[in-house]
Protein backbone atom coordinates (compact mmCIF):
# COMPACT_ATOMS: atom_id res chain seq x y z
CA MET A 1 99.55 59.27 -19.94
CA ILE A 2 97.41 60.79 -17.10
CA ARG A 3 96.42 64.22 -17.22
CA HIS A 4 96.37 65.71 -13.72
CA ASN A 5 93.55 67.89 -12.22
CA VAL A 6 91.34 67.24 -14.96
CA TYR A 7 87.75 65.71 -13.79
CA VAL A 8 85.77 63.12 -15.31
CA ARG A 9 83.39 64.28 -18.34
CA VAL A 10 80.45 61.93 -18.32
CA ILE A 11 78.80 61.57 -21.96
CA SER A 12 75.62 61.76 -21.37
CA LEU A 13 73.05 62.51 -19.23
CA LYS A 14 70.33 61.46 -21.78
CA PRO A 15 70.72 57.51 -20.92
CA LEU A 16 70.24 58.49 -17.21
CA ARG A 17 67.13 60.66 -17.79
CA GLN A 18 65.45 57.91 -20.21
CA PHE A 19 66.00 55.47 -17.27
CA TRP A 20 64.44 57.63 -14.68
CA ARG A 21 61.48 58.36 -16.61
CA ARG A 22 60.67 54.63 -16.62
CA HIS A 23 62.01 54.21 -13.05
CA PRO A 24 61.37 57.61 -10.95
CA ASP A 25 62.91 56.26 -8.05
CA ALA A 26 66.16 55.76 -9.76
CA GLU A 27 66.36 59.85 -10.53
CA GLU A 28 68.13 60.89 -7.18
CA PRO A 29 70.66 57.95 -7.09
CA LEU A 30 71.45 58.48 -10.73
CA ARG A 31 71.61 62.42 -10.20
CA LEU A 32 74.26 61.58 -7.37
CA TRP A 33 76.15 59.39 -9.29
CA TYR A 34 76.35 61.71 -12.02
CA LYS A 35 77.32 64.57 -9.98
CA THR A 36 80.09 62.47 -7.92
CA THR A 37 81.57 60.97 -11.17
CA SER A 38 81.61 64.58 -12.70
CA ASP A 39 83.69 65.71 -9.71
CA ALA A 40 85.89 62.45 -9.69
CA MET A 41 89.78 62.35 -10.99
CA TRP A 42 89.97 58.60 -11.51
CA ALA A 43 93.18 57.08 -13.28
CA SER A 44 91.88 53.42 -12.64
CA LEU A 45 89.36 51.02 -11.55
CA THR A 46 91.10 50.90 -8.15
CA ASP A 47 90.05 54.81 -7.74
CA VAL A 48 86.49 54.04 -8.64
CA ARG A 49 86.18 51.80 -6.13
CA GLN A 50 87.42 54.23 -3.58
CA THR A 51 84.07 55.96 -4.19
CA TYR A 52 82.15 53.03 -5.51
CA PRO A 53 83.55 49.80 -3.65
CA HIS A 54 81.16 47.56 -5.48
CA ALA A 55 82.09 48.60 -8.94
CA ASP A 56 83.10 45.76 -11.09
CA GLY A 57 85.37 45.43 -14.19
CA VAL A 58 83.70 43.42 -16.96
CA ARG A 59 85.47 42.67 -20.35
CA THR A 60 82.72 42.35 -23.20
CA SER A 61 83.53 41.89 -27.12
CA GLY A 62 86.65 43.92 -26.72
CA ASP A 63 85.55 46.62 -24.20
CA ALA A 64 86.73 47.03 -20.78
CA LEU A 65 83.69 48.20 -18.93
CA THR A 66 82.72 49.21 -15.22
CA VAL A 67 79.50 48.17 -13.72
CA SER A 68 78.24 50.14 -10.54
CA ASN A 69 75.21 49.44 -8.02
CA ILE A 70 72.83 52.17 -8.05
CA GLY A 71 69.99 53.04 -5.87
CA GLY A 72 71.18 50.46 -3.12
CA ASN A 73 71.73 47.45 -5.26
CA LYS A 74 68.66 47.93 -7.45
CA TYR A 75 69.87 48.94 -10.74
CA ARG A 76 73.30 48.69 -12.54
CA LEU A 77 74.93 51.51 -14.33
CA VAL A 78 77.37 50.14 -17.14
CA ALA A 79 79.75 52.67 -18.43
CA ARG A 80 83.24 52.73 -20.36
CA ILE A 81 85.54 54.74 -18.56
CA ARG A 82 88.59 56.10 -20.97
CA TYR A 83 90.87 57.09 -17.79
CA ASP A 84 93.50 58.32 -20.27
CA TYR A 85 90.99 61.03 -21.38
CA GLN A 86 89.19 61.39 -18.17
CA LEU A 87 85.86 60.15 -20.03
CA ILE A 88 82.80 58.22 -19.35
CA ASN A 89 80.32 57.10 -21.93
CA VAL A 90 77.16 55.43 -20.13
CA ARG A 91 76.26 52.20 -22.03
CA ALA A 92 73.49 51.03 -20.17
CA VAL A 93 71.31 51.68 -16.92
CA LEU A 94 69.54 48.43 -16.40
CA THR A 95 67.37 47.02 -13.63
CA HIS A 96 68.75 44.09 -11.79
CA GLN A 97 66.83 41.53 -13.72
CA GLU A 98 67.67 43.05 -17.23
CA TYR A 99 71.16 43.45 -16.29
CA ASP A 100 71.28 39.37 -15.10
CA ALA A 101 69.54 38.62 -18.77
CA ASP A 102 72.91 39.74 -19.99
CA LYS A 103 71.57 40.99 -23.46
CA TRP A 104 73.62 44.63 -22.72
CA LYS A 105 76.79 42.48 -23.37
CA GLU A 106 75.88 41.98 -27.20
């Protein structure tokens, strides 16, 4: 059941902060992602793609995750989105090289 007029809640900002401390140029696009996402009301990946056209759904060990390009495709943000509860759990923020290594799937 989708609860209408409930904005997405991102849990948590901590992995974003940790990433932009190592990659300062990622701070602005990650803050923008956080704000945009916090103002969203998504019911499916199709809705996410209205905001982030290049978002991809990925299944790993039973979890359905969403991968978004950040900073002009320089970085990847991997999150589990619970549309039924309007919750996003940030699993990882990665450089393209880290993402391509596939260790985040483990």
